[in-house]
PDB file of N, CA and C in Angstrom:
ATOM      1  N   MET A   1     -38.551 -96.083 -26.782  1.00  0.00           N
ATOM      2  CA  MET A   1     -39.142 -95.958 -25.461  1.00  0.00           C
ATOM      3  C   MET A   1     -40.260 -94.920 -25.501  1.00  0.00           C
ATOM      4  N   ASN A   2     -41.268 -95.174 -24.743  1.00  0.00           N
ATOM      5  CA  ASN A   2     -42.405 -94.284 -24.674  1.00  0.00           C
ATOM      6  C   ASN A   2     -42.346 -93.536 -23.345  1.00  0.00           C
ATOM      7  N   GLU A   3     -42.208 -92.241 -23.401  1.00  0.00           N
ATOM      8  CA  GLU A   3     -41.990 -91.421 -22.204  1.00  0.00           C
ATOM      9  C   GLU A   3     -43.170 -91.422 -21.236  1.00  0.00           C
ATOM     10  N   LYS A   4     -44.393 -91.593 -21.729  1.00  0.00           N
ATOM     11  CA  LYS A   4     -45.545 -91.502 -20.837  1.00  0.00           C
ATOM     12  C   LYS A   4     -45.728 -92.750 -19.971  1.00  0.00           C
ATOM     13  N   TYR A   5     -45.042 -93.845 -20.281  1.00  0.00           N
ATOM     14  CA  TYR A   5     -45.176 -95.075 -19.510  1.00  0.00           C
ATOM     15  C   TYR A   5     -44.066 -95.269 -18.482  1.00  0.00           C
ATOM     16  N   ASP A   6     -43.095 -94.403 -18.449  1.00  0.00           N
ATOM     17  CA  ASP A   6     -41.962 -94.588 -17.545  1.00  0.00           C
ATOM     18  C   ASP A   6     -42.383 -94.637 -16.083  1.00  0.00           C
ATOM     19  N   ALA A   7     -43.231 -93.734 -15.661  1.00  0.00           N
ATOM     20  CA  ALA A   7     -43.668 -93.695 -14.260  1.00  0.00           C
ATOM     21  C   ALA A   7     -44.500 -94.928 -13.909  1.00  0.00           C
ATOM     22  N   TYR A   8     -45.348 -95.371 -14.825  1.00  0.00           N
ATOM     23  CA  TYR A   8     -46.160 -96.552 -14.567  1.00  0.00           C
ATOM     24  C   TYR A   8     -45.296 -97.804 -14.479  1.00  0.00           C
ATOM     25  N   ALA A   9     -44.292 -97.910 -15.333  1.00  0.00           N
ATOM     26  CA  ALA A   9     -43.391 -99.070 -15.290  1.00  0.00           C
ATOM     27  C   ALA A   9     -42.646 -99.114 -13.961  1.00  0.00           C
ATOM     28  N   ALA A  10     -42.164 -97.987 -13.511  1.00  0.00           N
ATOM     29  CA  ALA A  10     -41.456 -97.941 -12.229  1.00  0.00           C
ATOM     30  C   ALA A  10     -42.397 -98.289 -11.077  1.00  0.00           C
ATOM     31  N   ALA A  11     -43.640 -97.832 -11.143  1.00  0.00           N
ATOM     32  CA  ALA A  11     -44.610 -98.147 -10.093  1.00  0.00           C
ATOM     33  C   ALA A  11     -44.912 -99.639 -10.042  1.00  0.00           C
ATOM     34  N   ILE A  12     -45.008-100.269 -11.190  1.00  0.00           N
ATOM     35  CA  ILE A  12     -45.272-101.703 -11.219  1.00  0.00           C
ATOM     36  C   ILE A  12     -44.096-102.471 -10.637  1.00  0.00           C
ATOM     37  N   ILE A  13     -42.891-102.107 -11.022  1.00  0.00           N
ATOM     38  CA  ILE A  13     -41.711-102.801 -10.514  1.00  0.00           C
ATOM     39  C   ILE A  13     -41.629-102.671  -8.997  1.00  0.00           C
ATOM     40  N   VAL A  14     -41.840-101.473  -8.472  1.00  0.00           N
ATOM     41  CA  VAL A  14     -41.701-101.247  -7.035  1.00  0.00           C
ATOM     42  C   VAL A  14     -42.868-101.856  -6.261  1.00  0.00           C
ATOM     43  N   THR A  15     -44.090-101.598  -6.688  1.00  0.00           N
ATOM     44  CA  THR A  15     -45.253-102.037  -5.926  1.00  0.00           C
ATOM     45  C   THR A  15     -45.364-103.547  -5.871  1.00  0.00           C
ATOM     46  N   PHE A  16     -45.395-104.190  -7.024  1.00  0.00           N
ATOM     47  CA  PHE A  16     -45.588-105.633  -7.023  1.00  0.00           C
ATOM     48  C   PHE A  16     -44.322-106.373  -6.634  1.00  0.00           C
ATOM     49  N   GLY A  17     -43.203-105.983  -7.215  1.00  0.00           N
ATOM     50  CA  GLY A  17     -41.972-106.723  -6.986  1.00  0.00           C
ATOM     51  C   GLY A  17     -41.447-106.626  -5.578  1.00  0.00           C
ATOM     52  N   ALA A  18     -41.546-105.482  -4.965  1.00  0.00           N
ATOM     53  CA  ALA A  18     -40.904-105.287  -3.669  1.00  0.00           C
ATOM     54  C   ALA A  18     -41.873-105.416  -2.496  1.00  0.00           C
ATOM     55  N   MET A  19     -42.974-104.726  -2.541  1.00  0.00           N
ATOM     56  CA  MET A  19     -43.826-104.643  -1.356  1.00  0.00           C
ATOM     57  C   MET A  19     -44.734-105.860  -1.192  1.00  0.00           C
ATOM     58  N   ILE A  20     -45.596-106.108  -2.148  1.00  0.00           N
ATOM     59  CA  ILE A  20     -46.618-107.152  -1.988  1.00  0.00           C
ATOM     60  C   ILE A  20     -45.996-108.538  -2.040  1.00  0.00           C
ATOM     61  N   ILE A  21     -45.235-108.815  -3.069  1.00  0.00           N
ATOM     62  CA  ILE A  21     -44.683-110.149  -3.242  1.00  0.00           C
ATOM     63  C   ILE A  21     -43.541-110.392  -2.262  1.00  0.00           C
ATOM     64  N   GLY A  22     -42.830-109.343  -1.892  1.00  0.00           N
ATOM     65  CA  GLY A  22     -41.800-109.484  -0.863  1.00  0.00           C
ATOM     66  C   GLY A  22     -42.385-109.948   0.456  1.00  0.00           C
ATOM     67  N   GLY A  23     -43.574-109.487   0.778  1.00  0.00           N
ATOM     68  CA  GLY A  23     -44.265-109.949   1.986  1.00  0.00           C
ATOM     69  C   GLY A  23     -44.628-111.421   1.900  1.00  0.00           C
ATOM     70  N   LEU A  24     -45.051-111.874   0.723  1.00  0.00           N
ATOM     71  CA  LEU A  24     -45.337-113.294   0.548  1.00  0.00           C
ATOM     72  C   LEU A  24     -44.068-114.131   0.679  1.00  0.00           C
ATOM     73  N   MET A  25     -42.965-113.627   0.163  1.00  0.00           N
ATOM     74  CA  MET A  25     -41.703-114.348   0.282  1.00  0.00           C
ATOM     75  C   MET A  25     -41.284-114.444   1.753  1.00  0.00           C
ATOM     76  N   ALA A  26     -41.437-113.355   2.475  1.00  0.00           N
ATOM     77  CA  ALA A  26     -41.082-113.365   3.899  1.00  0.00           C
ATOM     78  C   ALA A  26     -41.975-114.319   4.682  1.00  0.00           C
ATOM     79  N   ALA A  27     -43.251-114.364   4.347  1.00  0.00           N
ATOM     80  CA  ALA A  27     -44.156-115.288   5.032  1.00  0.00           C
ATOM     81  C   ALA A  27     -43.797-116.737   4.716  1.00  0.00           C
ATOM     82  N   GLY A  28     -43.405-116.993   3.469  1.00  0.00           N
ATOM     83  CA  GLY A  28     -42.991-118.342   3.104  1.00  0.00           C
ATOM     84  C   GLY A  28     -41.774-118.792   3.880  1.00  0.00           C
ATOM     85  N   ILE A  29     -40.832-117.877   4.104  1.00  0.00           N
ATOM     86  CA  ILE A  29     -39.647-118.203   4.902  1.00  0.00           C
ATOM     87  C   ILE A  29     -40.024-118.368   6.367  1.00  0.00           C
ATOM     88  N   ALA A  30     -40.854-117.469   6.882  1.00  0.00           N
ATOM     89  CA  ALA A  30     -41.202-117.498   8.305  1.00  0.00           C
ATOM     90  C   ALA A  30     -41.979-118.754   8.683  1.00  0.00           C
ATOM     91  N   PHE A  31     -42.880-119.195   7.801  1.00  0.00           N
ATOM     92  CA  PHE A  31     -43.692-120.376   8.101  1.00  0.00           C
ATOM     93  C   PHE A  31     -43.088-121.655   7.536  1.00  0.00           C
ATOM     94  N   ASN A  32     -41.903-121.555   6.971  1.00  0.00           N
ATOM     95  CA  ASN A  32     -41.168-122.703   6.437  1.00  0.00           C
ATOM     96  C   ASN A  32     -41.973-123.461   5.387  1.00  0.00           C
ATOM     97  N   VAL A  33     -42.585-122.712   4.459  1.00  0.00           N
ATOM     98  CA  VAL A  33     -43.323-123.295   3.337  1.00  0.00           C
ATOM     99  C   VAL A  33     -42.523-122.971   2.076  1.00  0.00           C
ATOM    100  N   ARG A  34     -41.693-123.913   1.672  1.00  0.00           N
ATOM    101  CA  ARG A  34     -40.770-123.681   0.576  1.00  0.00           C
ATOM    102  C   ARG A  34     -41.497-123.426  -0.743  1.00  0.00           C
ATOM    103  N   ASP A  35     -42.576-124.157  -1.014  1.00  0.00           N
ATOM    104  CA  ASP A  35     -43.299-123.976  -2.269  1.00  0.00           C
ATOM    105  C   ASP A  35     -43.914-122.586  -2.368  1.00  0.00           C
ATOM    106  N   ALA A  36     -44.433-122.074  -1.272  1.00  0.00           N
ATOM    107  CA  ALA A  36     -44.995-120.722  -1.275  1.00  0.00           C
ATOM    108  C   ALA A  36     -43.915-119.694  -1.552  1.00  0.00           C
ATOM    109  N   PHE A  37     -42.739-119.893  -0.965  1.00  0.00           N
ATOM    110  CA  PHE A  37     -41.628-118.980  -1.225  1.00  0.00           C
ATOM    111  C   PHE A  37     -41.248-118.997  -2.700  1.00  0.00           C
ATOM    112  N   LEU A  38     -41.184-120.178  -3.293  1.00  0.00           N
ATOM    113  CA  LEU A  38     -40.793-120.271  -4.701  1.00  0.00           C
ATOM    114  C   LEU A  38     -41.844-119.673  -5.627  1.00  0.00           C
ATOM    115  N   PHE A  39     -43.122-119.874  -5.311  1.00  0.00           N
ATOM    116  CA  PHE A  39     -44.172-119.229  -6.105  1.00  0.00           C
ATOM    117  C   PHE A  39     -44.086-117.707  -5.986  1.00  0.00           C
ATOM    118  N   ALA A  40     -43.823-117.206  -4.789  1.00  0.00           N
ATOM    119  CA  ALA A  40     -43.697-115.760  -4.598  1.00  0.00           C
ATOM    120  C   ALA A  40     -42.465-115.224  -5.322  1.00  0.00           C
ATOM    121  N   LEU A  41     -41.399-115.982  -5.328  1.00  0.00           N
ATOM    122  CA  LEU A  41     -40.202-115.573  -6.061  1.00  0.00           C
ATOM    123  C   LEU A  41     -40.472-115.521  -7.560  1.00  0.00           C
ATOM    124  N   GLY A  42     -41.194-116.491  -8.074  1.00  0.00           N
ATOM    125  CA  GLY A  42     -41.584-116.480  -9.486  1.00  0.00           C
ATOM    126  C   GLY A  42     -42.505-115.318  -9.810  1.00  0.00           C
ATOM    127  N   ALA A  43     -43.411-114.996  -8.894  1.00  0.00           N
ATOM    128  CA  ALA A  43     -44.305-113.860  -9.096  1.00  0.00           C
ATOM    129  C   ALA A  43     -43.535-112.548  -9.108  1.00  0.00           C
ATOM    130  N   ALA A  44     -42.560-112.431  -8.231  1.00  0.00           N
ATOM    131  CA  ALA A  44     -41.750-111.214  -8.192  1.00  0.00           C
ATOM    132  C   ALA A  44     -40.937-111.055  -9.471  1.00  0.00           C
ATOM    133  N   THR A  45     -40.402-112.148  -9.966  1.00  0.00           N
ATOM    134  CA  THR A  45     -39.631-112.092 -11.203  1.00  0.00           C
ATOM    135  C   THR A  45     -40.512-111.724 -12.381  1.00  0.00           C
ATOM    136  N   ALA A  46     -41.701-112.306 -12.457  1.00  0.00           N
ATOM    137  CA  ALA A  46     -42.621-111.986 -13.544  1.00  0.00           C
ATOM    138  C   ALA A  46     -43.072-110.528 -13.472  1.00  0.00           C
ATOM    139  N   ALA A  47     -43.335-110.031 -12.273  1.00  0.00           N
ATOM    140  CA  ALA A  47     -43.743-108.635 -12.125  1.00  0.00           C
ATOM    141  C   ALA A  47     -42.609-107.694 -12.492  1.00  0.00           C
ATOM    142  N   TRP A  48     -41.407-108.061 -12.135  1.00  0.00           N
ATOM    143  CA  TRP A  48     -40.240-107.250 -12.463  1.00  0.00           C
ATOM    144  C   TRP A  48     -40.077-107.169 -13.980  1.00  0.00           C
ATOM    145  N   LEU A  49     -40.212-108.294 -14.652  1.00  0.00           N
ATOM    146  CA  LEU A  49     -40.109-108.309 -16.108  1.00  0.00           C
ATOM    147  C   LEU A  49     -41.282-107.591 -16.769  1.00  0.00           C
ATOM    148  N   ALA A  50     -42.459-107.629 -16.144  1.00  0.00           N
ATOM    149  CA  ALA A  50     -43.623-106.928 -16.690  1.00  0.00           C
ATOM    150  C   ALA A  50     -43.404-105.421 -16.707  1.00  0.00           C
ATOM    151  N   GLY A  51     -42.690-104.915 -15.724  1.00  0.00           N
ATOM    152  CA  GLY A  51     -42.368-103.488 -15.723  1.00  0.00           C
ATOM    153  C   GLY A  51     -41.522-103.112 -16.920  1.00  0.00           C
ATOM    154  N   TYR A  52     -40.566-103.958 -17.261  1.00  0.00           N
ATOM    155  CA  TYR A  52     -39.742-103.692 -18.436  1.00  0.00           C
ATOM    156  C   TYR A  52     -40.529-103.872 -19.727  1.00  0.00           C
ATOM    157  N   ALA A  53     -41.469-104.815 -19.751  1.00  0.00           N
ATOM    158  CA  ALA A  53     -42.307-104.985 -20.938  1.00  0.00           C
ATOM    159  C   ALA A  53     -43.147-103.733 -21.178  1.00  0.00           C
ATOM    160  N   MET A  54     -43.643-103.128 -20.103  1.00  0.00           N
ATOM    161  CA  MET A  54     -44.394-101.884 -20.268  1.00  0.00           C
ATOM    162  C   MET A  54     -43.468-100.749 -20.705  1.00  0.00           C
ATOM    163  N   PHE A  55     -42.283-100.737 -20.146  1.00  0.00           N
ATOM    164  CA  PHE A  55     -41.309 -99.688 -20.479  1.00  0.00           C
ATOM    165  C   PHE A  55     -40.950 -99.730 -21.960  1.00  0.00           C
ATOM    166  N   PHE A  56     -40.844-100.928 -22.516  1.00  0.00           N
ATOM    167  CA  PHE A  56     -40.504-101.073 -23.927  1.00  0.00           C
ATOM    168  C   PHE A  56     -41.729-101.227 -24.820  1.00  0.00           C
ATOM    169  N   ASP A  57     -42.915-100.938 -24.274  1.00  0.00           N
ATOM    170  CA  ASP A  57     -44.174-100.886 -25.016  1.00  0.00           C
ATOM    171  C   ASP A  57     -44.515-102.228 -25.680  1.00  0.00           C
ATOM    172  N   ARG A  58     -44.446-103.295 -24.910  1.00  0.00           N
ATOM    173  CA  ARG A  58     -44.827-104.637 -25.354  1.00  0.00           C
ATOM    174  C   ARG A  58     -46.091-105.033 -24.599  1.00  0.00           C
ATOM    175  N   ALA A  59     -47.244-104.718 -25.175  1.00  0.00           N
ATOM    176  CA  ALA A  59     -48.518-104.870 -24.475  1.00  0.00           C
ATOM    177  C   ALA A  59     -48.856-106.339 -24.183  1.00  0.00           C
ATOM    178  N   ARG A  60     -48.716-107.204 -25.158  1.00  0.00           N
ATOM    179  CA  ARG A  60     -49.084-108.611 -24.937  1.00  0.00           C
ATOM    180  C   ARG A  60     -48.144-109.285 -23.944  1.00  0.00           C
ATOM    181  N   THR A  61     -46.877-108.974 -24.044  1.00  0.00           N
ATOM    182  CA  THR A  61     -45.916-109.532 -23.091  1.00  0.00           C
ATOM    183  C   THR A  61     -46.229-109.045 -21.688  1.00  0.00           C
ATOM    184  N   PHE A  62     -46.606-107.767 -21.578  1.00  0.00           N
ATOM    185  CA  PHE A  62     -46.985-107.200 -20.283  1.00  0.00           C
ATOM    186  C   PHE A  62     -48.181-107.943 -19.694  1.00  0.00           C
ATOM    187  N   LEU A  63     -49.190-108.190 -20.501  1.00  0.00           N
ATOM    188  CA  LEU A  63     -50.384-108.880 -20.012  1.00  0.00           C
ATOM    189  C   LEU A  63     -50.072-110.308 -19.569  1.00  0.00           C
ATOM    190  N   VAL A  64     -49.271-111.016 -20.342  1.00  0.00           N
ATOM    191  CA  VAL A  64     -48.919-112.392 -19.985  1.00  0.00           C
ATOM    192  C   VAL A  64     -48.114-112.420 -18.686  1.00  0.00           C
ATOM    193  N   LEU A  65     -47.135-111.550 -18.567  1.00  0.00           N
ATOM    194  CA  LEU A  65     -46.303-111.539 -17.363  1.00  0.00           C
ATOM    195  C   LEU A  65     -47.081-111.083 -16.131  1.00  0.00           C
ATOM    196  N   THR A  66     -47.976-110.131 -16.305  1.00  0.00           N
ATOM    197  CA  THR A  66     -48.804-109.688 -15.188  1.00  0.00           C
ATOM    198  C   THR A  66     -49.747-110.808 -14.741  1.00  0.00           C
ATOM    199  N   GLY A  67     -50.345-111.497 -15.699  1.00  0.00           N
ATOM    200  CA  GLY A  67     -51.207-112.627 -15.361  1.00  0.00           C
ATOM    201  C   GLY A  67     -50.449-113.735 -14.657  1.00  0.00           C
ATOM    202  N   LEU A  68     -49.243-114.023 -15.128  1.00  0.00           N
ATOM    203  CA  LEU A  68     -48.405-115.025 -14.484  1.00  0.00           C
ATOM    204  C   LEU A  68     -48.047-114.619 -13.061  1.00  0.00           C
ATOM    205  N   SER A  69     -47.776-113.348 -12.873  1.00  0.00           N
ATOM    206  CA  SER A  69     -47.456-112.846 -11.540  1.00  0.00           C
ATOM    207  C   SER A  69     -48.645-112.963 -10.595  1.00  0.00           C
ATOM    208  N   VAL A  70     -49.811-112.619 -11.073  1.00  0.00           N
ATOM    209  CA  VAL A  70     -51.019-112.714 -10.241  1.00  0.00           C
ATOM    210  C   VAL A  70     -51.314-114.165  -9.875  1.00  0.00           C
ATOM    211  N   LEU A  71     -51.217-115.063 -10.855  1.00  0.00           N
ATOM    212  CA  LEU A  71     -51.485-116.475 -10.576  1.00  0.00           C
ATOM    213  C   LEU A  71     -50.464-117.065  -9.611  1.00  0.00           C
ATOM    214  N   SER A  72     -49.212-116.696  -9.771  1.00  0.00           N
ATOM    215  CA  SER A  72     -48.183-117.191  -8.847  1.00  0.00           C
ATOM    216  C   SER A  72     -48.387-116.638  -7.444  1.00  0.00           C
ATOM    217  N   SER A  73     -48.804-115.396  -7.345  1.00  0.00           N
ATOM    218  CA  SER A  73     -49.085-114.808  -6.034  1.00  0.00           C
ATOM    219  C   SER A  73     -50.260-115.511  -5.362  1.00  0.00           C
ATOM    220  N   LEU A  74     -51.288-115.795  -6.132  1.00  0.00           N
ATOM    221  CA  LEU A  74     -52.433-116.516  -5.577  1.00  0.00           C
ATOM    222  C   LEU A  74     -52.035-117.915  -5.125  1.00  0.00           C
ATOM    223  N   ALA A  75     -51.200-118.578  -5.899  1.00  0.00           N
ATOM    224  CA  ALA A  75     -50.741-119.915  -5.509  1.00  0.00           C
ATOM    225  C   ALA A  75     -49.941-119.856  -4.210  1.00  0.00           C
ATOM    226  N   ALA A  76     -49.081-118.857  -4.067  1.00  0.00           N
ATOM    227  CA  ALA A  76     -48.310-118.711  -2.841  1.00  0.00           C
ATOM    228  C   ALA A  76     -49.231-118.431  -1.661  1.00  0.00           C
ATOM    229  N   PHE A  77     -50.225-117.590  -1.858  1.00  0.00           N
ATOM    230  CA  PHE A  77     -51.170-117.269  -0.790  1.00  0.00           C
ATOM    231  C   PHE A  77     -51.954-118.498  -0.363  1.00  0.00           C
ATOM    232  N   ILE A  78     -52.415-119.272  -1.346  1.00  0.00           N
ATOM    233  CA  ILE A  78     -53.181-120.478  -1.027  1.00  0.00           C
ATOM    234  C   ILE A  78     -52.328-121.474  -0.258  1.00  0.00           C
ATOM    235  N   LEU A  79     -51.064-121.623  -0.650  1.00  0.00           N
ATOM    236  CA  LEU A  79     -50.182-122.538   0.074  1.00  0.00           C
ATOM    237  C   LEU A  79     -49.906-122.062   1.497  1.00  0.00           C
ATOM    238  N   LEU A  80     -49.859-120.771   1.700  1.00  0.00           N
ATOM    239  CA  LEU A  80     -49.632-120.250   3.045  1.00  0.00           C
ATOM    240  C   LEU A  80     -50.855-120.415   3.933  1.00  0.00           C
ATOM    241  N   VAL A  81     -52.028-120.257   3.371  1.00  0.00           N
ATOM    242  CA  VAL A  81     -53.266-120.347   4.154  1.00  0.00           C
ATOM    243  C   VAL A  81     -53.632-121.801   4.441  1.00  0.00           C
ATOM    244  N   LYS A  82     -53.283-122.677   3.546  1.00  0.00           N
ATOM    245  CA  LYS A  82     -53.638-124.093   3.632  1.00  0.00           C
ATOM    246  C   LYS A  82     -53.026-124.779   4.820  1.00  0.00           C
TER     247      LYS A  82
END
């Protein structure tokens, strides 16, 4: 484990997993858009795993999971706006 990344990993898990993507999940439930909810759930899971990838110093895995989280969040947003 790398001690200097612990705070950043925790920030990623909390910020993306709970606050931003949680809002997308709530909007998907409120507007009854099941696909948006599932995309937001996938984004939250990918962001949660990305925090652990950073914690265990796996740079490529972190980048892939972060990209997957961003794309899933965008897909959920587009489905909600559409």
